[in-house]
Amino acid sequence: MSALMPLNPKPFLNGLTGKPALVKLKWGQEYKGYLVSVDGYMNLQLANTEEYIDGNCTGNLGEVLIRCNN
């Protein structure tokens, strides 16, 4: 039986910088864009972002900041 190794999310997210990302919020919205940056509070900055609600694209938002609220 293999043991699961815990993964620190901050270095993992930093490694995704410049790559396409999909962020799903607990309220159901989804944001697709390119990850620009992540800070120590896990706030996310996305570029070329599109918003999806119920699977339907509602438009292009451009650059957005998604604030972590935990």
PDB file of N, CA and C in Angstrom:
ATOM      1  N   MET A   1       0.848  -1.179   0.000  1.00  0.00           N
ATOM      2  CA  MET A   1       0.000   0.000   0.000  1.00  0.00           C
ATOM      3  C   MET A   1       0.892   1.239   0.000  1.00  0.00           C
ATOM      4  N   SER A   2       0.647   2.160  -0.905  1.00  0.00           N
ATOM      5  CA  SER A   2       1.459   3.373  -0.968  1.00  0.00           C
ATOM      6  C   SER A   2       0.803   4.479  -0.146  1.00  0.00           C
ATOM      7  N   ALA A   3       1.646   5.259   0.495  1.00  0.00           N
ATOM      8  CA  ALA A   3       1.157   6.370   1.313  1.00  0.00           C
ATOM      9  C   ALA A   3       1.027   7.618   0.446  1.00  0.00           C
ATOM     10  N   LEU A   4       0.028   8.415   0.731  1.00  0.00           N
ATOM     11  CA  LEU A   4      -0.143   9.676   0.021  1.00  0.00           C
ATOM     12  C   LEU A   4       0.786  10.716   0.620  1.00  0.00           C
ATOM     13  N   MET A   5       1.458  11.449  -0.249  1.00  0.00           N
ATOM     14  CA  MET A   5       2.349  12.513   0.204  1.00  0.00           C
ATOM     15  C   MET A   5       1.586  13.830   0.149  1.00  0.00           C
ATOM     16  N   PRO A   6       1.549  14.568   1.259  1.00  0.00           N
ATOM     17  CA  PRO A   6       0.868  15.866   1.214  1.00  0.00           C
ATOM     18  C   PRO A   6       1.591  16.823   0.277  1.00  0.00           C
ATOM     19  N   LEU A   7       0.828  17.665  -0.389  1.00  0.00           N
ATOM     20  CA  LEU A   7       1.375  18.612  -1.352  1.00  0.00           C
ATOM     21  C   LEU A   7       1.083  20.023  -0.866  1.00  0.00           C
ATOM     22  N   ASN A   8       2.132  20.825  -0.724  1.00  0.00           N
ATOM     23  CA  ASN A   8       1.974  22.216  -0.329  1.00  0.00           C
ATOM     24  C   ASN A   8       1.368  22.972  -1.510  1.00  0.00           C
ATOM     25  N   PRO A   9       0.191  23.601  -1.346  1.00  0.00           N
ATOM     26  CA  PRO A   9      -0.472  24.226  -2.494  1.00  0.00           C
ATOM     27  C   PRO A   9       0.230  25.474  -3.029  1.00  0.00           C
ATOM     28  N   LYS A  10       0.961  26.204  -2.193  1.00  0.00           N
ATOM     29  CA  LYS A  10       1.578  27.450  -2.666  1.00  0.00           C
ATOM     30  C   LYS A  10       2.634  27.201  -3.741  1.00  0.00           C
ATOM     31  N   PRO A  11       3.616  26.318  -3.527  1.00  0.00           N
ATOM     32  CA  PRO A  11       4.575  26.053  -4.614  1.00  0.00           C
ATOM     33  C   PRO A  11       3.903  25.424  -5.839  1.00  0.00           C
ATOM     34  N   PHE A  12       2.895  24.601  -5.593  1.00  0.00           N
ATOM     35  CA  PHE A  12       2.167  23.987  -6.707  1.00  0.00           C
ATOM     36  C   PHE A  12       1.519  25.065  -7.571  1.00  0.00           C
ATOM     37  N   LEU A  13       0.813  26.012  -6.939  1.00  0.00           N
ATOM     38  CA  LEU A  13       0.162  27.086  -7.696  1.00  0.00           C
ATOM     39  C   LEU A  13       1.178  28.001  -8.360  1.00  0.00           C
ATOM     40  N   ASN A  14       2.275  28.299  -7.680  1.00  0.00           N
ATOM     41  CA  ASN A  14       3.317  29.132  -8.293  1.00  0.00           C
ATOM     42  C   ASN A  14       3.882  28.470  -9.541  1.00  0.00           C
ATOM     43  N   GLY A  15       3.940  27.138  -9.543  1.00  0.00           N
ATOM     44  CA  GLY A  15       4.418  26.405 -10.710  1.00  0.00           C
ATOM     45  C   GLY A  15       3.462  26.470 -11.889  1.00  0.00           C
ATOM     46  N   LEU A  16       2.219  26.859 -11.639  1.00  0.00           N
ATOM     47  CA  LEU A  16       1.224  26.977 -12.709  1.00  0.00           C
ATOM     48  C   LEU A  16       1.183  28.374 -13.317  1.00  0.00           C
ATOM     49  N   THR A  17       2.000  29.287 -12.810  1.00  0.00           N
ATOM     50  CA  THR A  17       2.020  30.657 -13.325  1.00  0.00           C
ATOM     51  C   THR A  17       2.307  30.656 -14.826  1.00  0.00           C
ATOM     52  N   GLY A  18       1.493  31.396 -15.569  1.00  0.00           N
ATOM     53  CA  GLY A  18       1.636  31.481 -17.020  1.00  0.00           C
ATOM     54  C   GLY A  18       0.891  30.401 -17.777  1.00  0.00           C
ATOM     55  N   LYS A  19       0.270  29.484 -17.062  1.00  0.00           N
ATOM     56  CA  LYS A  19      -0.447  28.377 -17.698  1.00  0.00           C
ATOM     57  C   LYS A  19      -1.959  28.592 -17.582  1.00  0.00           C
ATOM     58  N   PRO A  20      -2.732  27.940 -18.449  1.00  0.00           N
ATOM     59  CA  PRO A  20      -4.190  28.047 -18.344  1.00  0.00           C
ATOM     60  C   PRO A  20      -4.681  27.479 -17.017  1.00  0.00           C
ATOM     61  N   ALA A  21      -5.681  28.140 -16.442  1.00  0.00           N
ATOM     62  CA  ALA A  21      -6.227  27.700 -15.159  1.00  0.00           C
ATOM     63  C   ALA A  21      -7.745  27.830 -15.189  1.00  0.00           C
ATOM     64  N   LEU A  22      -8.399  26.937 -14.471  1.00  0.00           N
ATOM     65  CA  LEU A  22      -9.841  26.990 -14.281  1.00  0.00           C
ATOM     66  C   LEU A  22     -10.086  27.085 -12.788  1.00  0.00           C
ATOM     67  N   VAL A  23     -10.766  28.148 -12.362  1.00  0.00           N
ATOM     68  CA  VAL A  23     -11.061  28.367 -10.947  1.00  0.00           C
ATOM     69  C   VAL A  23     -12.564  28.229 -10.759  1.00  0.00           C
ATOM     70  N   LYS A  24     -12.974  27.309  -9.879  1.00  0.00           N
ATOM     71  CA  LYS A  24     -14.388  27.106  -9.575  1.00  0.00           C
ATOM     72  C   LYS A  24     -14.658  27.662  -8.183  1.00  0.00           C
ATOM     73  N   LEU A  25     -15.630  28.556  -8.082  1.00  0.00           N
ATOM     74  CA  LEU A  25     -16.005  29.127  -6.798  1.00  0.00           C
ATOM     75  C   LEU A  25     -17.111  28.298  -6.161  1.00  0.00           C
ATOM     76  N   LYS A  26     -17.251  28.409  -4.849  1.00  0.00           N
ATOM     77  CA  LYS A  26     -18.249  27.601  -4.151  1.00  0.00           C
ATOM     78  C   LYS A  26     -19.678  28.002  -4.506  1.00  0.00           C
ATOM     79  N   TRP A  27     -19.864  29.166  -5.135  1.00  0.00           N
ATOM     80  CA  TRP A  27     -21.190  29.617  -5.539  1.00  0.00           C
ATOM     81  C   TRP A  27     -21.546  29.138  -6.939  1.00  0.00           C
ATOM     82  N   GLY A  28     -20.637  28.437  -7.610  1.00  0.00           N
ATOM     83  CA  GLY A  28     -20.944  27.857  -8.913  1.00  0.00           C
ATOM     84  C   GLY A  28     -20.300  28.534 -10.106  1.00  0.00           C
ATOM     85  N   GLN A  29     -19.799  29.757  -9.941  1.00  0.00           N
ATOM     86  CA  GLN A  29     -19.147  30.415 -11.067  1.00  0.00           C
ATOM     87  C   GLN A  29     -17.811  29.747 -11.370  1.00  0.00           C
ATOM     88  N   GLU A  30     -17.430  29.791 -12.630  1.00  0.00           N
ATOM     89  CA  GLU A  30     -16.129  29.281 -13.063  1.00  0.00           C
ATOM     90  C   GLU A  30     -15.431  30.366 -13.862  1.00  0.00           C
ATOM     91  N   TYR A  31     -14.125  30.451 -13.686  1.00  0.00           N
ATOM     92  CA  TYR A  31     -13.323  31.442 -14.393  1.00  0.00           C
ATOM     93  C   TYR A  31     -12.167  30.732 -15.073  1.00  0.00           C
ATOM     94  N   LYS A  32     -12.065  30.902 -16.389  1.00  0.00           N
ATOM     95  CA  LYS A  32     -10.977  30.311 -17.167  1.00  0.00           C
ATOM     96  C   LYS A  32     -10.076  31.429 -17.650  1.00  0.00           C
ATOM     97  N   GLY A  33      -8.782  31.265 -17.412  1.00  0.00           N
ATOM     98  CA  GLY A  33      -7.828  32.260 -17.861  1.00  0.00           C
ATOM     99  C   GLY A  33      -6.417  31.752 -17.656  1.00  0.00           C
ATOM    100  N   TYR A  34      -5.456  32.652 -17.766  1.00  0.00           N
ATOM    101  CA  TYR A  34      -4.056  32.309 -17.542  1.00  0.00           C
ATOM    102  C   TYR A  34      -3.642  32.836 -16.180  1.00  0.00           C
ATOM    103  N   LEU A  35      -3.072  31.965 -15.359  1.00  0.00           N
ATOM    104  CA  LEU A  35      -2.655  32.355 -14.015  1.00  0.00           C
ATOM    105  C   LEU A  35      -1.466  33.298 -14.106  1.00  0.00           C
ATOM    106  N   VAL A  36      -1.643  34.516 -13.588  1.00  0.00           N
ATOM    107  CA  VAL A  36      -0.589  35.526 -13.605  1.00  0.00           C
ATOM    108  C   VAL A  36       0.214  35.457 -12.320  1.00  0.00           C
ATOM    109  N   SER A  37      -0.487  35.396 -11.179  1.00  0.00           N
ATOM    110  CA  SER A  37       0.225  35.364  -9.902  1.00  0.00           C
ATOM    111  C   SER A  37      -0.667  34.825  -8.795  1.00  0.00           C
ATOM    112  N   VAL A  38      -0.003  34.397  -7.724  1.00  0.00           N
ATOM    113  CA  VAL A  38      -0.651  33.933  -6.499  1.00  0.00           C
ATOM    114  C   VAL A  38       0.124  34.551  -5.352  1.00  0.00           C
ATOM    115  N   ASP A  39      -0.587  35.102  -4.352  1.00  0.00           N
ATOM    116  CA  ASP A  39       0.139  35.674  -3.221  1.00  0.00           C
ATOM    117  C   ASP A  39       0.067  34.753  -2.004  1.00  0.00           C
ATOM    118  N   GLY A  40       0.612  35.212  -0.899  1.00  0.00           N
ATOM    119  CA  GLY A  40       0.665  34.414   0.322  1.00  0.00           C
ATOM    120  C   GLY A  40      -0.692  34.096   0.911  1.00  0.00           C
ATOM    121  N   TYR A  41      -1.703  34.868   0.551  1.00  0.00           N
ATOM    122  CA  TYR A  41      -3.070  34.623   1.020  1.00  0.00           C
ATOM    123  C   TYR A  41      -3.859  33.770   0.035  1.00  0.00           C
ATOM    124  N   MET A  42      -3.201  33.336  -1.021  1.00  0.00           N
ATOM    125  CA  MET A  42      -3.782  32.526  -2.091  1.00  0.00           C
ATOM    126  C   MET A  42      -4.821  33.297  -2.902  1.00  0.00           C
ATOM    127  N   ASN A  43      -4.668  34.627  -2.981  1.00  0.00           N
ATOM    128  CA  ASN A  43      -5.433  35.414  -3.941  1.00  0.00           C
ATOM    129  C   ASN A  43      -4.861  35.108  -5.318  1.00  0.00           C
ATOM    130  N   LEU A  44      -5.722  35.004  -6.319  1.00  0.00           N
ATOM    131  CA  LEU A  44      -5.301  34.620  -7.663  1.00  0.00           C
ATOM    132  C   LEU A  44      -5.523  35.764  -8.639  1.00  0.00           C
ATOM    133  N   GLN A  45      -4.561  35.999  -9.499  1.00  0.00           N
ATOM    134  CA  GLN A  45      -4.703  36.969 -10.580  1.00  0.00           C
ATOM    135  C   GLN A  45      -4.713  36.189 -11.885  1.00  0.00           C
ATOM    136  N   LEU A  46      -5.767  36.400 -12.683  1.00  0.00           N
ATOM    137  CA  LEU A  46      -5.911  35.723 -13.969  1.00  0.00           C
ATOM    138  C   LEU A  46      -5.962  36.751 -15.091  1.00  0.00           C
ATOM    139  N   ALA A  47      -5.411  36.392 -16.238  1.00  0.00           N
ATOM    140  CA  ALA A  47      -5.464  37.234 -17.438  1.00  0.00           C
ATOM    141  C   ALA A  47      -6.292  36.525 -18.502  1.00  0.00           C
ATOM    142  N   ASN A  48      -6.840  37.297 -19.442  1.00  0.00           N
ATOM    143  CA  ASN A  48      -7.670  36.751 -20.532  1.00  0.00           C
ATOM    144  C   ASN A  48      -8.769  35.846 -19.973  1.00  0.00           C
ATOM    145  N   THR A  49      -9.452  36.340 -18.970  1.00  0.00           N
ATOM    146  CA  THR A  49     -10.401  35.527 -18.215  1.00  0.00           C
ATOM    147  C   THR A  49     -11.791  35.553 -18.829  1.00  0.00           C
ATOM    148  N   GLU A  50     -12.398  34.368 -18.861  1.00  0.00           N
ATOM    149  CA  GLU A  50     -13.795  34.219 -19.270  1.00  0.00           C
ATOM    150  C   GLU A  50     -14.582  33.702 -18.076  1.00  0.00           C
ATOM    151  N   GLU A  51     -15.811  34.205 -17.897  1.00  0.00           N
ATOM    152  CA  GLU A  51     -16.670  33.762 -16.802  1.00  0.00           C
ATOM    153  C   GLU A  51     -17.701  32.780 -17.337  1.00  0.00           C
ATOM    154  N   TYR A  52     -17.912  31.687 -16.600  1.00  0.00           N
ATOM    155  CA  TYR A  52     -18.907  30.678 -16.951  1.00  0.00           C
ATOM    156  C   TYR A  52     -19.866  30.505 -15.781  1.00  0.00           C
ATOM    157  N   ILE A  53     -21.150  30.567 -16.081  1.00  0.00           N
ATOM    158  CA  ILE A  53     -22.183  30.309 -15.084  1.00  0.00           C
ATOM    159  C   ILE A  53     -23.080  29.221 -15.647  1.00  0.00           C
ATOM    160  N   ASP A  54     -23.264  28.162 -14.877  1.00  0.00           N
ATOM    161  CA  ASP A  54     -24.033  26.989 -15.317  1.00  0.00           C
ATOM    162  C   ASP A  54     -23.509  26.440 -16.635  1.00  0.00           C
ATOM    163  N   GLY A  55     -22.192  26.509 -16.833  1.00  0.00           N
ATOM    164  CA  GLY A  55     -21.556  25.971 -18.026  1.00  0.00           C
ATOM    165  C   GLY A  55     -21.611  26.870 -19.246  1.00  0.00           C
ATOM    166  N   ASN A  56     -22.259  28.019 -19.134  1.00  0.00           N
ATOM    167  CA  ASN A  56     -22.385  28.941 -20.264  1.00  0.00           C
ATOM    168  C   ASN A  56     -21.465  30.134 -20.079  1.00  0.00           C
ATOM    169  N   CYS A  57     -20.743  30.479 -21.129  1.00  0.00           N
ATOM    170  CA  CYS A  57     -19.842  31.628 -21.077  1.00  0.00           C
ATOM    171  C   CYS A  57     -20.677  32.904 -21.048  1.00  0.00           C
ATOM    172  N   THR A  58     -20.438  33.741 -20.017  1.00  0.00           N
ATOM    173  CA  THR A  58     -21.187  34.996 -19.894  1.00  0.00           C
ATOM    174  C   THR A  58     -20.401  36.173 -20.437  1.00  0.00           C
ATOM    175  N   GLY A  59     -19.143  35.949 -20.807  1.00  0.00           N
ATOM    176  CA  GLY A  59     -18.366  37.022 -21.407  1.00  0.00           C
ATOM    177  C   GLY A  59     -16.902  36.979 -21.032  1.00  0.00           C
ATOM    178  N   ASN A  60     -16.142  37.824 -21.708  1.00  0.00           N
ATOM    179  CA  ASN A  60     -14.708  37.936 -21.468  1.00  0.00           C
ATOM    180  C   ASN A  60     -14.478  39.079 -20.486  1.00  0.00           C
ATOM    181  N   LEU A  61     -13.830  38.788 -19.362  1.00  0.00           N
ATOM    182  CA  LEU A  61     -13.601  39.786 -18.321  1.00  0.00           C
ATOM    183  C   LEU A  61     -12.217  40.402 -18.396  1.00  0.00           C
ATOM    184  N   GLY A  62     -11.305  39.781 -19.130  1.00  0.00           N
ATOM    185  CA  GLY A  62      -9.932  40.292 -19.191  1.00  0.00           C
ATOM    186  C   GLY A  62      -9.151  39.902 -17.949  1.00  0.00           C
ATOM    187  N   GLU A  63      -8.560  40.889 -17.284  1.00  0.00           N
ATOM    188  CA  GLU A  63      -7.735  40.611 -16.103  1.00  0.00           C
ATOM    189  C   GLU A  63      -8.588  40.720 -14.837  1.00  0.00           C
ATOM    190  N   VAL A  64      -8.524  39.689 -13.983  1.00  0.00           N
ATOM    191  CA  VAL A  64      -9.323  39.668 -12.757  1.00  0.00           C
ATOM    192  C   VAL A  64      -8.466  39.252 -11.570  1.00  0.00           C
ATOM    193  N   LEU A  65      -8.939  39.620 -10.386  1.00  0.00           N
ATOM    194  CA  LEU A  65      -8.342  39.188  -9.127  1.00  0.00           C
ATOM    195  C   LEU A  65      -9.411  38.424  -8.372  1.00  0.00           C
ATOM    196  N   ILE A  66      -9.104  37.192  -8.012  1.00  0.00           N
ATOM    197  CA  ILE A  66     -10.023  36.381  -7.223  1.00  0.00           C
ATOM    198  C   ILE A  66      -9.459  36.324  -5.815  1.00  0.00           C
ATOM    199  N   ARG A  67     -10.205  36.908  -4.889  1.00  0.00           N
ATOM    200  CA  ARG A  67      -9.752  37.029  -3.511  1.00  0.00           C
ATOM    201  C   ARG A  67     -10.119  35.778  -2.734  1.00  0.00           C
ATOM    202  N   CYS A  68      -9.135  35.220  -2.046  1.00  0.00           N
ATOM    203  CA  CYS A  68      -9.372  34.067  -1.182  1.00  0.00           C
ATOM    204  C   CYS A  68     -10.082  34.564   0.071  1.00  0.00           C
ATOM    205  N   ASN A  69     -11.099  33.841   0.494  1.00  0.00           N
ATOM    206  CA  ASN A  69     -11.888  34.276   1.642  1.00  0.00           C
ATOM    207  C   ASN A  69     -12.056  33.104   2.605  1.00  0.00           C
ATOM    208  N   ASN A  70     -10.962  32.758   3.302  1.00  0.00           N
ATOM    209  CA  ASN A  70     -11.092  31.647   4.253  1.00  0.00           C
ATOM    210  C   ASN A  70     -10.674  32.040   5.625  1.00  0.00           C
TER     211      ASN A  70
END
